[in-house]
Amino acid sequence: MSIFFKARSGNASSSIGILLIRLSLGTLFLLAGAGKVLNLQEFIKSVQDTGQMNNTVAFVLAFILPFMEMIFGALFIIGLFTPITSFILACMTVSFMIVLGIGHPELPFSHNIVFLACFISTMLTGAGLISFDALGDKKKEERIINVREETKSADPKIFDAGKINESDAIFVDEKEVKDSDVNG
């Protein structure tokens, strides 16, 4: 489950930094996808005009891409399934770099390289404490605490670690067991 819900980050200040990354890039992808959806025919035509793929494949990809940008941009903003969302957005960014190139007329390199670095960072660190993924991690931590509390409150006669019983003999090395312990 840690692939789906990953919110582990050091503290609140690093979570705010990750939140700013998620808000800015998620909003960028959400609005870019919405702009393409509003002018879907023009976007499909521009993808087909690049001539880098078959017209049918270009149509399908150009039709699906804006909706994927919107969906995964929204998921990235709210911090839900962040590692998987970051991976998919990173793959889309790599595809943009392949089609558009890594150069930029005014900058030393394309802004997509910065986007890719941010997506890889959130894929590895998680969404931070201010996210929906943090709720999934919190429930997991509560289950671990409950199991520990139950074992502490259990009957000490059942969990007596000092004595070897028949069920423990399966897991104990024969060299460690003395004849007097086995025979009673």
N, C-alpha and C. Protein backbone atom coordinates (compact mmCIF):
# COMPACT_ATOMS: atom_id res chain seq x y z
N MET A 1 0.81 -1.20 0.00
CA MET A 1 0.00 0.00 0.00
C MET A 1 0.84 1.26 0.00
N SER A 2 2.12 1.18 0.36
CA SER A 2 2.92 2.40 0.41
C SER A 2 3.14 2.99 -0.98
N ILE A 3 2.91 2.21 -2.02
CA ILE A 3 3.02 2.76 -3.37
C ILE A 3 1.85 3.72 -3.63
N PHE A 4 0.68 3.43 -3.10
CA PHE A 4 -0.48 4.26 -3.32
C PHE A 4 -0.51 5.46 -2.39
N PHE A 5 -0.31 5.21 -1.10
CA PHE A 5 -0.36 6.28 -0.10
C PHE A 5 1.03 6.46 0.50
N LYS A 6 1.69 7.52 0.13
CA LYS A 6 3.02 7.77 0.67
C LYS A 6 3.07 9.23 1.06
N ALA A 7 3.04 9.50 2.36
CA ALA A 7 3.04 10.87 2.83
C ALA A 7 4.18 11.12 3.80
N ARG A 8 5.11 10.19 3.90
CA ARG A 8 6.20 10.35 4.85
C ARG A 8 7.14 11.44 4.42
N SER A 9 7.20 12.47 5.20
CA SER A 9 8.21 13.49 5.00
C SER A 9 8.66 13.95 6.38
N GLY A 10 9.77 14.60 6.44
CA GLY A 10 10.41 14.91 7.71
C GLY A 10 9.55 15.68 8.70
N ASN A 11 9.04 16.84 8.31
CA ASN A 11 8.31 17.67 9.26
C ASN A 11 7.34 18.57 8.50
N ALA A 12 6.73 19.50 9.24
CA ALA A 12 5.70 20.35 8.64
C ALA A 12 6.29 21.30 7.61
N SER A 13 7.49 21.82 7.84
CA SER A 13 8.05 22.78 6.88
C SER A 13 8.38 22.11 5.54
N SER A 14 8.88 20.89 5.57
CA SER A 14 9.13 20.20 4.30
C SER A 14 7.81 19.82 3.63
N SER A 15 6.78 19.55 4.41
CA SER A 15 5.47 19.26 3.84
C SER A 15 4.89 20.48 3.15
N ILE A 16 5.17 21.68 3.67
CA ILE A 16 4.70 22.90 3.02
C ILE A 16 5.42 23.10 1.70
N GLY A 17 6.71 22.79 1.65
CA GLY A 17 7.46 22.88 0.40
C GLY A 17 6.93 21.92 -0.65
N ILE A 18 6.63 20.69 -0.23
CA ILE A 18 6.07 19.71 -1.17
C ILE A 18 4.68 20.15 -1.61
N LEU A 19 3.91 20.74 -0.69
CA LEU A 19 2.58 21.26 -1.04
C LEU A 19 2.68 22.34 -2.11
N LEU A 20 3.65 23.24 -1.99
CA LEU A 20 3.83 24.29 -2.99
C LEU A 20 4.18 23.70 -4.36
N ILE A 21 5.02 22.68 -4.37
CA ILE A 21 5.35 22.00 -5.64
C ILE A 21 4.09 21.37 -6.23
N ARG A 22 3.33 20.68 -5.37
CA ARG A 22 2.12 20.01 -5.85
C ARG A 22 1.10 21.02 -6.38
N LEU A 23 0.91 22.12 -5.65
CA LEU A 23 -0.08 23.12 -6.07
C LEU A 23 0.32 23.77 -7.39
N SER A 24 1.57 24.17 -7.52
CA SER A 24 1.98 24.88 -8.73
C SER A 24 1.98 23.97 -9.96
N LEU A 25 2.61 22.81 -9.87
CA LEU A 25 2.66 21.92 -11.04
C LEU A 25 1.31 21.28 -11.33
N GLY A 26 0.57 20.92 -10.29
CA GLY A 26 -0.76 20.35 -10.50
C GLY A 26 -1.69 21.34 -11.18
N THR A 27 -1.63 22.61 -10.73
CA THR A 27 -2.46 23.64 -11.36
C THR A 27 -2.04 23.87 -12.81
N LEU A 28 -0.74 23.86 -13.05
CA LEU A 28 -0.24 24.03 -14.41
C LEU A 28 -0.79 22.95 -15.34
N PHE A 29 -0.72 21.68 -14.90
CA PHE A 29 -1.22 20.58 -15.73
C PHE A 29 -2.74 20.62 -15.85
N LEU A 30 -3.42 20.96 -14.77
CA LEU A 30 -4.89 21.04 -14.80
C LEU A 30 -5.35 22.11 -15.79
N LEU A 31 -4.74 23.29 -15.73
CA LEU A 31 -5.15 24.38 -16.63
C LEU A 31 -4.71 24.11 -18.06
N ALA A 32 -3.55 23.51 -18.25
CA ALA A 32 -3.10 23.18 -19.61
C ALA A 32 -4.04 22.17 -20.25
N GLY A 33 -4.44 21.17 -19.47
CA GLY A 33 -5.39 20.18 -19.99
C GLY A 33 -6.75 20.80 -20.29
N ALA A 34 -7.20 21.71 -19.41
CA ALA A 34 -8.49 22.36 -19.63
C ALA A 34 -8.46 23.23 -20.88
N GLY A 35 -7.35 23.92 -21.10
CA GLY A 35 -7.23 24.74 -22.31
C GLY A 35 -7.26 23.90 -23.57
N LYS A 36 -6.64 22.72 -23.50
CA LYS A 36 -6.65 21.83 -24.66
C LYS A 36 -8.03 21.22 -24.88
N VAL A 37 -8.75 20.93 -23.81
CA VAL A 37 -10.10 20.37 -23.94
C VAL A 37 -11.03 21.41 -24.57
N LEU A 38 -10.88 22.67 -24.19
CA LEU A 38 -11.75 23.71 -24.74
C LEU A 38 -11.51 23.91 -26.23
N ASN A 39 -10.31 23.64 -26.70
CA ASN A 39 -9.98 23.74 -28.13
C ASN A 39 -9.49 22.39 -28.63
N LEU A 40 -10.27 21.37 -28.40
CA LEU A 40 -9.85 20.00 -28.66
C LEU A 40 -9.55 19.75 -30.14
N GLN A 41 -10.40 20.27 -31.03
CA GLN A 41 -10.17 20.03 -32.46
C GLN A 41 -8.87 20.68 -32.94
N GLU A 42 -8.59 21.87 -32.46
CA GLU A 42 -7.35 22.54 -32.84
C GLU A 42 -6.13 21.78 -32.30
N PHE A 43 -6.25 21.27 -31.07
CA PHE A 43 -5.13 20.54 -30.48
C PHE A 43 -4.88 19.24 -31.25
N ILE A 44 -5.94 18.52 -31.58
CA ILE A 44 -5.79 17.28 -32.36
C ILE A 44 -5.13 17.58 -33.70
N LYS A 45 -5.58 18.65 -34.34
CA LYS A 45 -4.99 19.04 -35.63
C LYS A 45 -3.51 19.39 -35.49
N SER A 46 -3.14 20.08 -34.41
CA SER A 46 -1.73 20.46 -34.23
C SER A 46 -0.85 19.24 -33.96
N VAL A 47 -1.39 18.25 -33.24
CA VAL A 47 -0.62 17.02 -33.00
C VAL A 47 -0.47 16.23 -34.29
N GLN A 48 -1.52 16.17 -35.09
CA GLN A 48 -1.44 15.47 -36.37
C GLN A 48 -0.49 16.18 -37.33
N ASP A 49 -0.42 17.50 -37.25
CA ASP A 49 0.45 18.27 -38.15
C ASP A 49 1.93 18.10 -37.84
N THR A 50 2.27 17.62 -36.65
CA THR A 50 3.70 17.42 -36.34
C THR A 50 4.28 16.32 -37.21
N GLY A 51 3.44 15.37 -37.63
CA GLY A 51 3.89 14.32 -38.53
C GLY A 51 4.80 13.29 -37.88
N GLN A 52 4.84 13.24 -36.55
CA GLN A 52 5.71 12.29 -35.86
C GLN A 52 5.07 10.92 -35.68
N MET A 53 3.79 10.83 -35.97
CA MET A 53 3.09 9.55 -35.85
C MET A 53 1.94 9.49 -36.83
N ASN A 54 1.40 8.30 -36.97
CA ASN A 54 0.26 8.05 -37.83
C ASN A 54 -0.90 8.97 -37.41
N ASN A 55 -1.72 9.39 -38.35
CA ASN A 55 -2.84 10.29 -38.03
C ASN A 55 -3.82 9.68 -37.04
N THR A 56 -4.07 8.38 -37.15
CA THR A 56 -5.00 7.72 -36.22
C THR A 56 -4.42 7.71 -34.81
N VAL A 57 -3.16 7.34 -34.68
CA VAL A 57 -2.50 7.32 -33.37
C VAL A 57 -2.44 8.73 -32.80
N ALA A 58 -2.12 9.69 -33.64
CA ALA A 58 -2.07 11.09 -33.19
C ALA A 58 -3.43 11.56 -32.71
N PHE A 59 -4.49 11.14 -33.39
CA PHE A 59 -5.85 11.52 -32.97
C PHE A 59 -6.17 10.94 -31.60
N VAL A 60 -5.89 9.66 -31.41
CA VAL A 60 -6.21 9.01 -30.13
C VAL A 60 -5.41 9.64 -28.99
N LEU A 61 -4.11 9.80 -29.20
CA LEU A 61 -3.27 10.39 -28.14
C LEU A 61 -3.66 11.83 -27.85
N ALA A 62 -3.95 12.60 -28.89
CA ALA A 62 -4.33 14.00 -28.70
C ALA A 62 -5.70 14.13 -28.04
N PHE A 63 -6.54 13.14 -28.23
CA PHE A 63 -7.85 13.16 -27.58
C PHE A 63 -7.74 12.79 -26.10
N ILE A 64 -6.89 11.83 -25.78
CA ILE A 64 -6.77 11.34 -24.40
C ILE A 64 -5.90 12.26 -23.53
N LEU A 65 -4.84 12.81 -24.10
CA LEU A 65 -3.86 13.58 -23.34
C LEU A 65 -4.45 14.72 -22.50
N PRO A 66 -5.32 15.58 -23.04
CA PRO A 66 -5.84 16.68 -22.21
C PRO A 66 -6.61 16.19 -20.98
N PHE A 67 -7.36 15.12 -21.14
CA PHE A 67 -8.11 14.60 -20.00
C PHE A 67 -7.18 13.98 -18.96
N MET A 68 -6.13 13.33 -19.42
CA MET A 68 -5.13 12.78 -18.49
C MET A 68 -4.43 13.92 -17.74
N GLU A 69 -4.09 14.99 -18.46
CA GLU A 69 -3.46 16.14 -17.79
C GLU A 69 -4.36 16.71 -16.71
N MET A 70 -5.65 16.81 -17.00
CA MET A 70 -6.59 17.36 -16.01
C MET A 70 -6.75 16.43 -14.81
N ILE A 71 -6.95 15.15 -15.07
CA ILE A 71 -7.18 14.19 -13.98
C ILE A 71 -5.95 14.08 -13.08
N PHE A 72 -4.79 13.87 -13.68
CA PHE A 72 -3.59 13.68 -12.87
C PHE A 72 -3.10 15.00 -12.27
N GLY A 73 -3.39 16.12 -12.91
CA GLY A 73 -3.09 17.41 -12.29
C GLY A 73 -3.92 17.61 -11.03
N ALA A 74 -5.20 17.25 -11.09
CA ALA A 74 -6.07 17.37 -9.91
C ALA A 74 -5.63 16.41 -8.81
N LEU A 75 -5.28 15.17 -9.16
CA LEU A 75 -4.80 14.22 -8.16
C LEU A 75 -3.51 14.71 -7.51
N PHE A 76 -2.65 15.34 -8.29
CA PHE A 76 -1.39 15.85 -7.77
C PHE A 76 -1.64 17.02 -6.81
N ILE A 77 -2.61 17.86 -7.12
CA ILE A 77 -2.93 19.00 -6.25
C ILE A 77 -3.41 18.51 -4.89
N ILE A 78 -4.34 17.56 -4.87
CA ILE A 78 -4.89 17.11 -3.59
C ILE A 78 -3.99 16.10 -2.89
N GLY A 79 -2.99 15.60 -3.59
CA GLY A 79 -2.06 14.67 -2.97
C GLY A 79 -2.65 13.29 -2.76
N LEU A 80 -3.28 12.76 -3.77
CA LEU A 80 -3.87 11.42 -3.70
C LEU A 80 -3.14 10.50 -4.66
N PHE A 81 -2.70 9.36 -4.16
CA PHE A 81 -1.90 8.40 -4.93
C PHE A 81 -0.67 9.09 -5.53
N THR A 82 -0.01 9.88 -4.73
CA THR A 82 1.06 10.76 -5.21
C THR A 82 2.20 10.04 -5.90
N PRO A 83 2.73 8.93 -5.38
CA PRO A 83 3.83 8.28 -6.10
C PRO A 83 3.43 7.82 -7.51
N ILE A 84 2.26 7.26 -7.65
CA ILE A 84 1.79 6.80 -8.96
C ILE A 84 1.46 8.00 -9.85
N THR A 85 0.79 9.00 -9.28
CA THR A 85 0.48 10.21 -10.03
C THR A 85 1.75 10.90 -10.51
N SER A 86 2.76 10.98 -9.64
CA SER A 86 4.03 11.60 -10.01
C SER A 86 4.70 10.82 -11.13
N PHE A 87 4.63 9.50 -11.06
CA PHE A 87 5.23 8.67 -12.11
C PHE A 87 4.56 8.92 -13.45
N ILE A 88 3.23 8.96 -13.47
CA ILE A 88 2.51 9.18 -14.73
C ILE A 88 2.78 10.58 -15.27
N LEU A 89 2.81 11.59 -14.39
CA LEU A 89 3.12 12.94 -14.85
C LEU A 89 4.57 13.03 -15.33
N ALA A 90 5.47 12.30 -14.70
CA ALA A 90 6.87 12.28 -15.15
C ALA A 90 6.96 11.63 -16.54
N CYS A 91 6.20 10.57 -16.76
CA CYS A 91 6.19 9.92 -18.09
C CYS A 91 5.63 10.87 -19.15
N MET A 92 4.58 11.61 -18.80
CA MET A 92 4.03 12.59 -19.75
C MET A 92 5.06 13.68 -20.03
N THR A 93 5.78 14.12 -19.00
CA THR A 93 6.79 15.16 -19.19
C THR A 93 7.92 14.67 -20.09
N VAL A 94 8.34 13.42 -19.90
CA VAL A 94 9.37 12.84 -20.77
C VAL A 94 8.87 12.79 -22.21
N SER A 95 7.61 12.43 -22.39
CA SER A 95 7.08 12.39 -23.76
C SER A 95 7.04 13.79 -24.37
N PHE A 96 6.74 14.81 -23.56
CA PHE A 96 6.78 16.19 -24.07
C PHE A 96 8.21 16.56 -24.48
N MET A 97 9.18 16.13 -23.68
CA MET A 97 10.57 16.45 -24.00
C MET A 97 11.02 15.73 -25.27
N ILE A 98 10.51 14.53 -25.50
CA ILE A 98 10.85 13.80 -26.73
C ILE A 98 10.27 14.51 -27.94
N VAL A 99 9.02 14.94 -27.83
CA VAL A 99 8.35 15.58 -28.97
C VAL A 99 8.86 17.01 -29.18
N LEU A 100 8.97 17.77 -28.10
CA LEU A 100 9.33 19.19 -28.22
C LEU A 100 10.82 19.45 -28.15
N GLY A 101 11.58 18.49 -27.62
CA GLY A 101 13.01 18.68 -27.45
C GLY A 101 13.33 19.25 -26.06
N ILE A 102 14.59 19.17 -25.68
CA ILE A 102 14.97 19.65 -24.35
C ILE A 102 15.54 21.07 -24.39
N GLY A 103 15.59 21.65 -25.55
CA GLY A 103 16.09 23.01 -25.68
C GLY A 103 14.98 24.03 -25.48
N HIS A 104 15.38 25.26 -25.23
CA HIS A 104 14.43 26.36 -25.09
C HIS A 104 15.08 27.59 -25.71
N PRO A 105 14.34 28.41 -26.45
CA PRO A 105 14.98 29.54 -27.13
C PRO A 105 15.56 30.59 -26.19
N GLU A 106 14.98 30.76 -25.00
CA GLU A 106 15.44 31.82 -24.10
C GLU A 106 16.17 31.29 -22.87
N LEU A 107 15.97 30.04 -22.53
CA LEU A 107 16.57 29.46 -21.33
C LEU A 107 17.67 28.48 -21.71
N PRO A 108 18.54 28.15 -20.77
CA PRO A 108 19.59 27.17 -21.10
C PRO A 108 19.04 25.78 -21.39
N PHE A 109 17.88 25.45 -20.81
CA PHE A 109 17.24 24.17 -21.07
C PHE A 109 15.74 24.33 -20.87
N SER A 110 15.01 23.32 -21.26
CA SER A 110 13.55 23.36 -21.20
C SER A 110 13.06 23.33 -19.75
N HIS A 111 11.94 24.00 -19.52
CA HIS A 111 11.30 23.96 -18.21
C HIS A 111 10.80 22.56 -17.86
N ASN A 112 10.62 21.72 -18.87
CA ASN A 112 10.17 20.35 -18.62
C ASN A 112 11.18 19.56 -17.80
N ILE A 113 12.45 19.90 -17.86
CA ILE A 113 13.46 19.22 -17.04
C ILE A 113 13.22 19.53 -15.56
N VAL A 114 12.85 20.77 -15.26
CA VAL A 114 12.54 21.14 -13.88
C VAL A 114 11.28 20.42 -13.42
N PHE A 115 10.28 20.36 -14.29
CA PHE A 115 9.05 19.62 -13.95
C PHE A 115 9.37 18.16 -13.65
N LEU A 116 10.19 17.55 -14.49
CA LEU A 116 10.56 16.15 -14.31
C LEU A 116 11.27 15.95 -12.97
N ALA A 117 12.17 16.85 -12.62
CA ALA A 117 12.88 16.75 -11.33
C ALA A 117 11.90 16.84 -10.16
N CYS A 118 10.91 17.71 -10.27
CA CYS A 118 9.91 17.85 -9.20
C CYS A 118 9.04 16.60 -9.09
N PHE A 119 8.66 16.03 -10.23
CA PHE A 119 7.84 14.82 -10.20
C PHE A 119 8.61 13.63 -9.62
N ILE A 120 9.88 13.52 -9.96
CA ILE A 120 10.70 12.44 -9.40
C ILE A 120 10.86 12.64 -7.90
N SER A 121 11.02 13.88 -7.46
CA SER A 121 11.14 14.16 -6.02
C SER A 121 9.89 13.75 -5.26
N THR A 122 8.73 14.13 -5.77
CA THR A 122 7.49 13.76 -5.07
C THR A 122 7.19 12.28 -5.18
N MET A 123 7.69 11.66 -6.24
CA MET A 123 7.51 10.21 -6.37
C MET A 123 8.30 9.50 -5.27
N LEU A 124 9.48 10.01 -4.93
CA LEU A 124 10.32 9.37 -3.93
C LEU A 124 9.98 9.78 -2.50
N THR A 125 9.59 11.04 -2.29
CA THR A 125 9.34 11.52 -0.92
C THR A 125 7.89 11.39 -0.48
N GLY A 126 6.99 11.38 -1.40
CA GLY A 126 5.58 11.32 -1.04
C GLY A 126 4.96 12.70 -1.09
N ALA A 127 3.71 12.78 -0.67
CA ALA A 127 2.92 14.00 -0.80
C ALA A 127 3.11 14.97 0.35
N GLY A 128 3.70 14.53 1.44
CA GLY A 128 3.82 15.38 2.61
C GLY A 128 2.63 15.19 3.53
N LEU A 129 2.68 15.91 4.64
CA LEU A 129 1.64 15.75 5.66
C LEU A 129 0.33 16.43 5.30
N ILE A 130 0.36 17.38 4.36
CA ILE A 130 -0.84 18.11 3.96
C ILE A 130 -1.34 17.50 2.66
N SER A 131 -1.98 16.34 2.76
CA SER A 131 -2.44 15.64 1.56
C SER A 131 -3.44 14.56 1.95
N PHE A 132 -4.10 14.03 0.95
CA PHE A 132 -5.00 12.90 1.19
C PHE A 132 -4.21 11.63 1.44
N ASP A 133 -3.00 11.55 0.90
CA ASP A 133 -2.15 10.38 1.17
C ASP A 133 -1.81 10.28 2.65
N ALA A 134 -1.72 11.41 3.33
CA ALA A 134 -1.40 11.41 4.77
C ALA A 134 -2.51 10.71 5.55
N LEU A 135 -3.75 10.82 5.08
CA LEU A 135 -4.85 10.11 5.75
C LEU A 135 -4.68 8.61 5.63
N GLY A 136 -4.23 8.13 4.47
CA GLY A 136 -3.98 6.71 4.29
C GLY A 136 -2.85 6.23 5.17
N ASP A 137 -1.77 7.02 5.28
CA ASP A 137 -0.66 6.65 6.15
C ASP A 137 -1.06 6.70 7.61
N LYS A 138 -1.92 7.64 7.98
CA LYS A 138 -2.36 7.77 9.37
C LYS A 138 -3.14 6.55 9.81
N LYS A 139 -4.01 6.04 8.94
CA LYS A 139 -4.78 4.84 9.28
C LYS A 139 -3.85 3.65 9.46
N LYS A 140 -2.79 3.56 8.65
CA LYS A 140 -1.83 2.47 8.77
C LYS A 140 -1.10 2.55 10.10
N GLU A 141 -0.70 3.78 10.53
CA GLU A 141 -0.02 3.95 11.80
C GLU A 141 -0.94 3.60 12.96
N GLU A 142 -2.23 3.94 12.87
CA GLU A 142 -3.17 3.61 13.93
C GLU A 142 -3.31 2.10 14.09
N ARG A 143 -3.30 1.35 12.98
CA ARG A 143 -3.40 -0.10 13.06
C ARG A 143 -2.17 -0.68 13.75
N ILE A 144 -0.99 -0.15 13.44
CA ILE A 144 0.23 -0.64 14.07
C ILE A 144 0.20 -0.38 15.56
N ILE A 145 -0.27 0.80 15.97
CA ILE A 145 -0.35 1.13 17.39
C ILE A 145 -1.34 0.21 18.08
N ASN A 146 -2.49 -0.05 17.47
CA ASN A 146 -3.49 -0.92 18.08
C ASN A 146 -2.96 -2.33 18.27
N VAL A 147 -2.19 -2.85 17.33
CA VAL A 147 -1.64 -4.20 17.47
C VAL A 147 -0.67 -4.24 18.63
N ARG A 148 0.16 -3.23 18.78
CA ARG A 148 1.12 -3.18 19.87
C ARG A 148 0.42 -3.10 21.21
N GLU A 149 -0.65 -2.29 21.30
CA GLU A 149 -1.38 -2.17 22.55
C GLU A 149 -2.05 -3.49 22.92
N GLU A 150 -2.58 -4.21 21.94
CA GLU A 150 -3.23 -5.48 22.21
C GLU A 150 -2.25 -6.51 22.73
N THR A 151 -1.04 -6.53 22.20
CA THR A 151 -0.06 -7.51 22.67
C THR A 151 0.43 -7.17 24.07
N LYS A 152 0.47 -5.88 24.41
CA LYS A 152 0.88 -5.50 25.77
C LYS A 152 -0.18 -5.88 26.79
N SER A 153 -1.44 -5.75 26.42
CA SER A 153 -2.51 -6.02 27.36
C SER A 153 -2.91 -7.49 27.41
N ALA A 154 -2.29 -8.33 26.61
CA ALA A 154 -2.63 -9.75 26.59
C ALA A 154 -2.17 -10.43 27.88
N ASP A 155 -2.72 -11.60 28.14
CA ASP A 155 -2.42 -12.37 29.35
C ASP A 155 -0.94 -12.77 29.34
N PRO A 156 -0.18 -12.41 30.40
CA PRO A 156 1.25 -12.73 30.41
C PRO A 156 1.53 -14.23 30.47
N LYS A 157 0.58 -15.04 30.90
CA LYS A 157 0.79 -16.48 30.95
C LYS A 157 0.87 -17.06 29.53
N ILE A 158 0.13 -16.44 28.61
CA ILE A 158 0.13 -16.92 27.22
C ILE A 158 1.43 -16.53 26.53
N PHE A 159 1.89 -15.30 26.77
CA PHE A 159 3.08 -14.80 26.10
C PHE A 159 4.27 -14.78 27.05
N ASP A 160 4.61 -15.89 27.63
CA ASP A 160 5.76 -15.96 28.52
C ASP A 160 6.98 -16.29 27.67
N ALA A 161 7.84 -15.30 27.48
CA ALA A 161 8.99 -15.47 26.59
C ALA A 161 10.10 -16.29 27.24
N GLY A 162 10.05 -16.48 28.53
CA GLY A 162 11.14 -17.18 29.22
C GLY A 162 11.10 -18.68 29.08
N LYS A 163 9.99 -19.26 28.74
CA LYS A 163 9.86 -20.72 28.68
C LYS A 163 9.65 -21.17 27.24
N ILE A 164 10.15 -22.35 26.95
CA ILE A 164 9.98 -22.93 25.63
C ILE A 164 8.82 -23.91 25.69
N ASN A 165 7.86 -23.77 24.77
CA ASN A 165 6.77 -24.73 24.71
C ASN A 165 6.82 -25.45 23.37
N GLU A 166 5.86 -26.33 23.14
CA GLU A 166 5.88 -27.15 21.92
C GLU A 166 5.79 -26.32 20.64
N SER A 167 5.01 -25.26 20.64
CA SER A 167 4.89 -24.45 19.42
C SER A 167 6.18 -23.68 19.14
N ASP A 168 6.95 -23.35 20.17
CA ASP A 168 8.22 -22.65 19.97
C ASP A 168 9.30 -23.58 19.45
N ALA A 169 9.16 -24.87 19.66
CA ALA A 169 10.20 -25.82 19.27
C ALA A 169 10.42 -25.83 17.76
N ILE A 170 9.43 -25.46 17.01
CA ILE A 170 9.56 -25.42 15.56
C ILE A 170 10.56 -24.35 15.15
N PHE A 171 10.59 -23.24 15.86
CA PHE A 171 11.40 -22.10 15.49
C PHE A 171 12.73 -22.03 16.22
N VAL A 172 12.99 -22.96 17.12
CA VAL A 172 14.21 -22.92 17.92
C VAL A 172 15.24 -23.88 17.33
N ASP A 173 16.48 -23.45 17.26
CA ASP A 173 17.56 -24.28 16.77
C ASP A 173 17.82 -25.40 17.78
N GLU A 174 18.09 -26.61 17.30
CA GLU A 174 18.29 -27.76 18.18
C GLU A 174 19.48 -27.58 19.09
N LYS A 175 20.50 -26.88 18.66
CA LYS A 175 21.69 -26.67 19.48
C LYS A 175 21.38 -25.81 20.69
N GLU A 176 20.39 -24.92 20.56
CA GLU A 176 20.06 -24.03 21.66
C GLU A 176 19.19 -24.70 22.71
N VAL A 177 18.49 -25.76 22.35
CA VAL A 177 17.57 -26.41 23.26
C VAL A 177 18.33 -27.48 24.06
N LYS A 178 18.23 -27.42 25.36
CA LYS A 178 18.87 -28.42 26.22
C LYS A 178 17.91 -29.56 26.48
N ASP A 179 18.44 -30.73 26.81
CA ASP A 179 17.58 -31.88 27.07
C ASP A 179 16.64 -31.62 28.24
N SER A 180 17.09 -30.89 29.23
CA SER A 180 16.25 -30.66 30.40
C SER A 180 15.07 -29.76 30.06
N ASP A 181 15.26 -28.81 29.13
CA ASP A 181 14.15 -27.93 28.76
C ASP A 181 13.08 -28.68 27.99
N VAL A 182 13.49 -29.63 27.13
CA VAL A 182 12.53 -30.35 26.30
C VAL A 182 11.78 -31.37 27.13
N ASN A 183 12.52 -32.10 27.99
CA ASN A 183 11.89 -33.14 28.78
C ASN A 183 11.09 -32.61 29.95
N GLY A 184 11.30 -31.37 30.27
CA GLY A 184 10.47 -30.73 31.29
C GLY A 184 11.04 -30.78 32.60
